[in-house]
Amino acid sequence: MKRFLFLAGIISTIALNGCSWIPRFIWNNEQVFEPIVSELKYKPYPFAVRQEITAIQRIHIDYFGQHVPEMPKENNFYALMWANNKMLKLSVLSPMHQRLWDIQFNGETIHEERLAALPETLQATNILRDIAVAFWPASNLKAQDKRFDVHDEGFTRQIFNKTSNTLEMTVTYQNGAKQNHPWGTIEIVNHHERYRLSITSNPAR
């Protein structure tokens, strides 16, 4: 199940740009908007990795806030990821390749080192959640939280909120990527928190 791993670095990058963890911001110096927080609490677990993975990702992100007229905004980032069946490590990089955030997850605890300038609203737990949403086996996700249903069909995964009967997230695998083969392009749309990711991943040499 190396497929979830390559998204790891990607999701870290997402966090830096806002998405599900965008900090509070002021519009016209009057109105203050809070980020929308999802109920999804999925976690990925390194023990599912069948072989060591080292990858570099190129990420394009746009988010379309519900209330701010200037949305969507766009950005590009890079990320490096390494993982085996005991540890997942992420390094989030700026477009100038400056290291912004390192995260380690062993399935139980999270260790992170980050620039002091990063907002506290950017949380590693949310990054790991999105890794699981995109790449963790459907059976595992269903077992973690029975309020949500995971539907896989072809090159698409959809996460449904059974309580509200709404579509939470959609993951589309493109250009050779699929759930058991991460190399290629993946698009992730979070309908609830309103962001879109386009991720191209290649093995790191």
C-alpha atoms as a PDB file:
ATOM      1  CA  MET A   1       0.000   0.000   0.000  1.00  0.00           C
ATOM      2  CA  LYS A   2       2.617   2.544  -0.990  1.00  0.00           C
ATOM      3  CA  ARG A   3      -0.053   4.647  -2.676  1.00  0.00           C
ATOM      4  CA  PHE A   4      -0.958   6.663   0.419  1.00  0.00           C
ATOM      5  CA  LEU A   5       2.651   7.569   1.058  1.00  0.00           C
ATOM      6  CA  PHE A   6       3.328   9.727  -1.895  1.00  0.00           C
ATOM      7  CA  LEU A   7       0.422  11.952  -0.962  1.00  0.00           C
ATOM      8  CA  ALA A   8       1.934  12.542   2.422  1.00  0.00           C
ATOM      9  CA  GLY A   9       4.335  15.210   1.304  1.00  0.00           C
ATOM     10  CA  ILE A  10       1.670  16.662  -0.887  1.00  0.00           C
ATOM     11  CA  ILE A  11      -0.764  17.111   1.929  1.00  0.00           C
ATOM     12  CA  SER A  12       1.884  18.786   4.037  1.00  0.00           C
ATOM     13  CA  THR A  13       2.287  21.269   1.260  1.00  0.00           C
ATOM     14  CA  ILE A  14      -1.429  21.798   1.075  1.00  0.00           C
ATOM     15  CA  ALA A  15      -1.512  22.718   4.694  1.00  0.00           C
ATOM     16  CA  LEU A  16       1.060  25.416   4.214  1.00  0.00           C
ATOM     17  CA  ASN A  17      -1.025  27.104   1.575  1.00  0.00           C
ATOM     18  CA  GLY A  18      -4.249  27.062   3.540  1.00  0.00           C
ATOM     19  CA  CYS A  19      -6.864  24.613   2.334  1.00  0.00           C
ATOM     20  CA  SER A  20      -8.440  22.772   5.192  1.00  0.00           C
ATOM     21  CA  TRP A  21      -6.155  24.570   7.606  1.00  0.00           C
ATOM     22  CA  ILE A  22      -6.208  28.138   6.334  1.00  0.00           C
ATOM     23  CA  PRO A  23      -5.790  30.496   9.301  1.00  0.00           C
ATOM     24  CA  ARG A  24      -8.201  33.254  10.141  1.00  0.00           C
ATOM     25  CA  PHE A  25      -7.922  36.165   7.743  1.00  0.00           C
ATOM     26  CA  ILE A  26      -9.448  39.618   7.461  1.00  0.00           C
ATOM     27  CA  TRP A  27     -11.380  40.823   4.440  1.00  0.00           C
ATOM     28  CA  ASN A  28     -11.741  44.617   3.929  1.00  0.00           C
ATOM     29  CA  ASN A  29     -10.339  45.020   7.461  1.00  0.00           C
ATOM     30  CA  GLU A  30     -13.790  44.394   8.873  1.00  0.00           C
ATOM     31  CA  GLN A  31     -15.036  40.837   8.509  1.00  0.00           C
ATOM     32  CA  VAL A  32     -13.119  37.908   9.980  1.00  0.00           C
ATOM     33  CA  PHE A  33     -13.647  34.460   8.473  1.00  0.00           C
ATOM     34  CA  GLU A  34     -12.862  31.213  10.250  1.00  0.00           C
ATOM     35  CA  PRO A  35     -11.602  28.077   8.476  1.00  0.00           C
ATOM     36  CA  ILE A  36     -14.124  25.303   7.905  1.00  0.00           C
ATOM     37  CA  VAL A  37     -13.192  22.232   9.933  1.00  0.00           C
ATOM     38  CA  SER A  38     -14.089  18.771   8.694  1.00  0.00           C
ATOM     39  CA  GLU A  39     -15.330  15.997  10.963  1.00  0.00           C
ATOM     40  CA  LEU A  40     -13.054  13.515   9.211  1.00  0.00           C
ATOM     41  CA  LYS A  41     -10.474  12.079  11.620  1.00  0.00           C
ATOM     42  CA  TYR A  42      -8.859   9.330   9.536  1.00  0.00           C
ATOM     43  CA  LYS A  43      -5.249   8.285  10.152  1.00  0.00           C
ATOM     44  CA  PRO A  44      -2.744   6.444   7.941  1.00  0.00           C
ATOM     45  CA  TYR A  45      -0.536   3.800   9.504  1.00  0.00           C
ATOM     46  CA  PRO A  46       3.030   3.062   8.298  1.00  0.00           C
ATOM     47  CA  PHE A  47       2.708  -0.677   8.906  1.00  0.00           C
ATOM     48  CA  ALA A  48       0.685  -0.864   5.671  1.00  0.00           C
ATOM     49  CA  VAL A  49       3.791  -0.005   3.605  1.00  0.00           C
ATOM     50  CA  ARG A  50       5.051  -3.046   1.718  1.00  0.00           C
ATOM     51  CA  GLN A  51       8.373  -1.531   0.612  1.00  0.00           C
ATOM     52  CA  GLU A  52      10.460   1.563   1.262  1.00  0.00           C
ATOM     53  CA  ILE A  53       9.265   4.590  -0.675  1.00  0.00           C
ATOM     54  CA  THR A  54      11.182   7.741  -1.551  1.00  0.00           C
ATOM     55  CA  ALA A  55       9.357  10.302  -3.665  1.00  0.00           C
ATOM     56  CA  ILE A  56       9.391  13.887  -4.820  1.00  0.00           C
ATOM     57  CA  GLN A  57       6.116  15.661  -5.511  1.00  0.00           C
ATOM     58  CA  ARG A  58       5.180  18.764  -7.462  1.00  0.00           C
ATOM     59  CA  ILE A  59       1.931  20.246  -6.183  1.00  0.00           C
ATOM     60  CA  HIS A  60      -0.471  22.808  -7.575  1.00  0.00           C
ATOM     61  CA  ILE A  61      -3.245  23.959  -5.292  1.00  0.00           C
ATOM     62  CA  ASP A  62      -6.196  26.284  -5.534  1.00  0.00           C
ATOM     63  CA  TYR A  63      -8.801  26.932  -2.889  1.00  0.00           C
ATOM     64  CA  PHE A  64     -12.141  28.576  -3.356  1.00  0.00           C
ATOM     65  CA  GLY A  65     -13.221  30.043  -0.032  1.00  0.00           C
ATOM     66  CA  GLN A  66     -16.946  30.277   0.483  1.00  0.00           C
ATOM     67  CA  HIS A  67     -17.099  33.955   1.425  1.00  0.00           C
ATOM     68  CA  VAL A  68     -14.101  35.768  -0.012  1.00  0.00           C
ATOM     69  CA  PRO A  69     -14.672  37.391  -3.425  1.00  0.00           C
ATOM     70  CA  GLU A  70     -11.034  37.061  -4.559  1.00  0.00           C
ATOM     71  CA  MET A  71     -10.990  33.264  -4.306  1.00  0.00           C
ATOM     72  CA  PRO A  72      -9.798  30.955  -5.765  1.00  0.00           C
ATOM     73  CA  LYS A  73      -6.140  31.464  -4.974  1.00  0.00           C
ATOM     74  CA  GLU A  74      -3.373  29.303  -6.403  1.00  0.00           C
ATOM     75  CA  ASN A  75       0.116  28.197  -5.431  1.00  0.00           C
ATOM     76  CA  ASN A  76       2.827  25.679  -6.234  1.00  0.00           C
ATOM     77  CA  PHE A  77       4.997  23.703  -3.823  1.00  0.00           C
ATOM     78  CA  TYR A  78       7.326  20.741  -3.581  1.00  0.00           C
ATOM     79  CA  ALA A  79       7.590  17.967  -1.024  1.00  0.00           C
ATOM     80  CA  LEU A  80       9.936  15.084  -0.245  1.00  0.00           C
ATOM     81  CA  MET A  81       8.637  11.906   1.349  1.00  0.00           C
ATOM     82  CA  TRP A  82      10.300   8.800   2.744  1.00  0.00           C
ATOM     83  CA  ALA A  83       8.531   5.876   4.377  1.00  0.00           C
ATOM     84  CA  ASN A  84       8.796   2.246   5.346  1.00  0.00           C
ATOM     85  CA  ASN A  85       6.526   0.042   7.433  1.00  0.00           C
ATOM     86  CA  LYS A  86       7.635   1.724  10.669  1.00  0.00           C
ATOM     87  CA  MET A  87       7.922   5.423   9.906  1.00  0.00           C
ATOM     88  CA  LEU A  88       6.576   8.122   7.622  1.00  0.00           C
ATOM     89  CA  LYS A  89       8.687  11.264   7.111  1.00  0.00           C
ATOM     90  CA  LEU A  90       7.693  14.420   5.237  1.00  0.00           C
ATOM     91  CA  SER A  91       9.673  17.514   4.278  1.00  0.00           C
ATOM     92  CA  VAL A  92       7.652  20.412   2.926  1.00  0.00           C
ATOM     93  CA  LEU A  93       9.519  22.801   0.639  1.00  0.00           C
ATOM     94  CA  SER A  94       8.815  26.266  -0.684  1.00  0.00           C
ATOM     95  CA  PRO A  95       8.983  26.949  -4.458  1.00  0.00           C
ATOM     96  CA  MET A  96      12.570  28.104  -3.763  1.00  0.00           C
ATOM     97  CA  HIS A  97      13.236  24.723  -2.093  1.00  0.00           C
ATOM     98  CA  GLN A  98      13.449  26.185   1.393  1.00  0.00           C
ATOM     99  CA  ARG A  99      12.575  23.588   4.014  1.00  0.00           C
ATOM    100  CA  LEU A 100       9.471  24.736   5.845  1.00  0.00           C
ATOM    101  CA  TRP A 101       8.198  21.793   7.847  1.00  0.00           C
ATOM    102  CA  ASP A 102       9.378  18.291   8.800  1.00  0.00           C
ATOM    103  CA  ILE A 103       6.885  15.727  10.094  1.00  0.00           C
ATOM    104  CA  GLN A 104       7.463  12.175  11.353  1.00  0.00           C
ATOM    105  CA  PHE A 105       4.682   9.714  12.127  1.00  0.00           C
ATOM    106  CA  ASN A 106       5.181   6.191  13.475  1.00  0.00           C
ATOM    107  CA  GLY A 107       1.498   5.265  13.700  1.00  0.00           C
ATOM    108  CA  GLU A 108       1.239   6.372  17.324  1.00  0.00           C
ATOM    109  CA  THR A 109       2.992   9.693  17.819  1.00  0.00           C
ATOM    110  CA  ILE A 110       3.821  12.700  15.648  1.00  0.00           C
ATOM    111  CA  HIS A 111       7.106  14.599  15.821  1.00  0.00           C
ATOM    112  CA  GLU A 112       7.464  17.842  13.904  1.00  0.00           C
ATOM    113  CA  GLU A 113       9.934  20.663  13.345  1.00  0.00           C
ATOM    114  CA  ARG A 114       8.576  23.788  11.702  1.00  0.00           C
ATOM    115  CA  LEU A 115       9.414  27.398  11.010  1.00  0.00           C
ATOM    116  CA  ALA A 116       8.161  29.672  13.737  1.00  0.00           C
ATOM    117  CA  ALA A 117       6.385  31.773  11.108  1.00  0.00           C
ATOM    118  CA  LEU A 118       3.979  28.970  10.233  1.00  0.00           C
ATOM    119  CA  PRO A 119       0.499  29.612  11.701  1.00  0.00           C
ATOM    120  CA  GLU A 120      -0.528  27.402  14.604  1.00  0.00           C
ATOM    121  CA  THR A 121      -3.700  26.557  12.700  1.00  0.00           C
ATOM    122  CA  LEU A 122      -1.608  24.362  10.383  1.00  0.00           C
ATOM    123  CA  GLN A 123      -1.749  20.969  12.106  1.00  0.00           C
ATOM    124  CA  ALA A 124       0.066  17.749  11.224  1.00  0.00           C
ATOM    125  CA  THR A 125      -2.967  15.728  12.287  1.00  0.00           C
ATOM    126  CA  ASN A 126      -4.960  17.269   9.449  1.00  0.00           C
ATOM    127  CA  ILE A 127      -2.204  16.504   6.969  1.00  0.00           C
ATOM    128  CA  LEU A 128      -2.179  12.855   8.007  1.00  0.00           C
ATOM    129  CA  ARG A 129      -5.967  12.780   7.774  1.00  0.00           C
ATOM    130  CA  ASP A 130      -5.858  13.750   4.108  1.00  0.00           C
ATOM    131  CA  ILE A 131      -3.187  11.161   3.394  1.00  0.00           C
ATOM    132  CA  ALA A 132      -5.559   8.504   4.661  1.00  0.00           C
ATOM    133  CA  VAL A 133      -8.514   9.927   2.742  1.00  0.00           C
ATOM    134  CA  ALA A 134      -6.697   9.683  -0.569  1.00  0.00           C
ATOM    135  CA  PHE A 135      -4.660   6.489  -0.213  1.00  0.00           C
ATOM    136  CA  TRP A 136      -5.624   4.334   2.738  1.00  0.00           C
ATOM    137  CA  PRO A 137      -7.644   1.163   2.008  1.00  0.00           C
ATOM    138  CA  ALA A 138     -11.399   1.740   1.986  1.00  0.00           C
ATOM    139  CA  SER A 139     -11.986  -1.045   4.499  1.00  0.00           C
ATOM    140  CA  ASN A 140      -9.623   0.624   6.967  1.00  0.00           C
ATOM    141  CA  LEU A 141     -11.254   4.029   6.590  1.00  0.00           C
ATOM    142  CA  LYS A 142     -14.728   2.582   7.093  1.00  0.00           C
ATOM    143  CA  ALA A 143     -13.563   0.843  10.255  1.00  0.00           C
ATOM    144  CA  GLN A 144     -12.057   4.060  11.654  1.00  0.00           C
ATOM    145  CA  ASP A 145     -15.180   6.200  11.335  1.00  0.00           C
ATOM    146  CA  LYS A 146     -18.575   4.697  10.565  1.00  0.00           C
ATOM    147  CA  ARG A 147     -20.145   8.116   9.973  1.00  0.00           C
ATOM    148  CA  PHE A 148     -18.480   8.180   6.546  1.00  0.00           C
ATOM    149  CA  ASP A 149     -18.661   5.851   3.567  1.00  0.00           C
ATOM    150  CA  VAL A 150     -15.808   5.282   1.092  1.00  0.00           C
ATOM    151  CA  HIS A 151     -16.731   4.395  -2.485  1.00  0.00           C
ATOM    152  CA  ASP A 152     -14.007   3.284  -4.931  1.00  0.00           C
ATOM    153  CA  GLU A 153     -14.823   2.860  -8.609  1.00  0.00           C
ATOM    154  CA  GLY A 154     -12.211   2.748 -11.364  1.00  0.00           C
ATOM    155  CA  PHE A 155      -9.879   5.695 -10.983  1.00  0.00           C
ATOM    156  CA  THR A 156     -12.083   7.587  -8.529  1.00  0.00           C
ATOM    157  CA  ARG A 157     -12.624   7.539  -4.764  1.00  0.00           C
ATOM    158  CA  GLN A 158     -15.475   9.385  -3.060  1.00  0.00           C
ATOM    159  CA  ILE A 159     -15.972  10.023   0.662  1.00  0.00           C
ATOM    160  CA  PHE A 160     -19.607  10.471   1.738  1.00  0.00           C
ATOM    161  CA  ASN A 161     -20.912  11.876   4.991  1.00  0.00           C
ATOM    162  CA  LYS A 162     -23.737   9.475   5.815  1.00  0.00           C
ATOM    163  CA  THR A 163     -25.148  11.752   8.514  1.00  0.00           C
ATOM    164  CA  SER A 164     -25.711  14.736   6.217  1.00  0.00           C
ATOM    165  CA  ASN A 165     -25.921  12.673   3.010  1.00  0.00           C
ATOM    166  CA  THR A 166     -23.319  14.882   1.324  1.00  0.00           C
ATOM    167  CA  LEU A 167     -20.177  14.278  -0.724  1.00  0.00           C
ATOM    168  CA  GLU A 168     -17.157  15.192   1.379  1.00  0.00           C
ATOM    169  CA  MET A 169     -14.170  14.503  -0.878  1.00  0.00           C
ATOM    170  CA  THR A 170     -13.322  13.188  -4.348  1.00  0.00           C
ATOM    171  CA  VAL A 171      -9.963  11.732  -5.407  1.00  0.00           C
ATOM    172  CA  THR A 172      -9.198  11.151  -9.109  1.00  0.00           C
ATOM    173  CA  TYR A 173      -6.169   9.169 -10.328  1.00  0.00           C
ATOM    174  CA  GLN A 174      -4.697  10.257 -13.689  1.00  0.00           C
ATOM    175  CA  ASN A 175      -1.749   9.730 -16.069  1.00  0.00           C
ATOM    176  CA  GLY A 176      -0.952   6.238 -14.833  1.00  0.00           C
ATOM    177  CA  ALA A 177      -1.649   6.831 -11.163  1.00  0.00           C
ATOM    178  CA  LYS A 178      -4.068   4.527  -9.377  1.00  0.00           C
ATOM    179  CA  GLN A 179      -4.709   3.410  -5.851  1.00  0.00           C
ATOM    180  CA  ASN A 180      -1.929   0.825  -5.890  1.00  0.00           C
ATOM    181  CA  HIS A 181       0.430   2.874  -8.082  1.00  0.00           C
ATOM    182  CA  PRO A 182       1.106   6.482  -7.025  1.00  0.00           C
ATOM    183  CA  TRP A 183       3.389   7.561  -9.867  1.00  0.00           C
ATOM    184  CA  GLY A 184       1.480   9.949 -12.082  1.00  0.00           C
ATOM    185  CA  THR A 185      -1.032  12.687 -11.313  1.00  0.00           C
ATOM    186  CA  ILE A 186      -3.721  12.737  -8.659  1.00  0.00           C
ATOM    187  CA  GLU A 187      -6.405  15.362  -8.179  1.00  0.00           C
ATOM    188  CA  ILE A 188      -8.054  15.787  -4.792  1.00  0.00           C
ATOM    189  CA  VAL A 189     -11.137  17.936  -4.287  1.00  0.00           C
ATOM    190  CA  ASN A 190     -12.372  18.628  -0.772  1.00  0.00           C
ATOM    191  CA  HIS A 191     -15.967  19.734  -1.309  1.00  0.00           C
ATOM    192  CA  HIS A 192     -16.533  20.571   2.343  1.00  0.00           C
ATOM    193  CA  GLU A 193     -13.411  22.621   3.025  1.00  0.00           C
ATOM    194  CA  ARG A 194     -13.274  23.842  -0.588  1.00  0.00           C
ATOM    195  CA  TYR A 195      -9.853  23.209  -2.056  1.00  0.00           C
ATOM    196  CA  ARG A 196      -8.411  21.362  -5.051  1.00  0.00           C
ATOM    197  CA  LEU A 197      -4.990  19.735  -5.420  1.00  0.00           C
ATOM    198  CA  SER A 198      -3.194  18.533  -8.500  1.00  0.00           C
ATOM    199  CA  ILE A 199      -0.215  16.360  -7.538  1.00  0.00           C
ATOM    200  CA  THR A 200       2.434  14.915  -9.831  1.00  0.00           C
ATOM    201  CA  SER A 201       4.675  12.356  -8.165  1.00  0.00           C
ATOM    202  CA  ASN A 202       7.884  10.653  -9.299  1.00  0.00           C
ATOM    203  CA  PRO A 203      10.376   8.365  -7.578  1.00  0.00           C
ATOM    204  CA  ALA A 204      13.250  10.326  -6.030  1.00  0.00           C
ATOM    205  CA  ARG A 205      16.589   9.400  -7.549  1.00  0.00           C
END
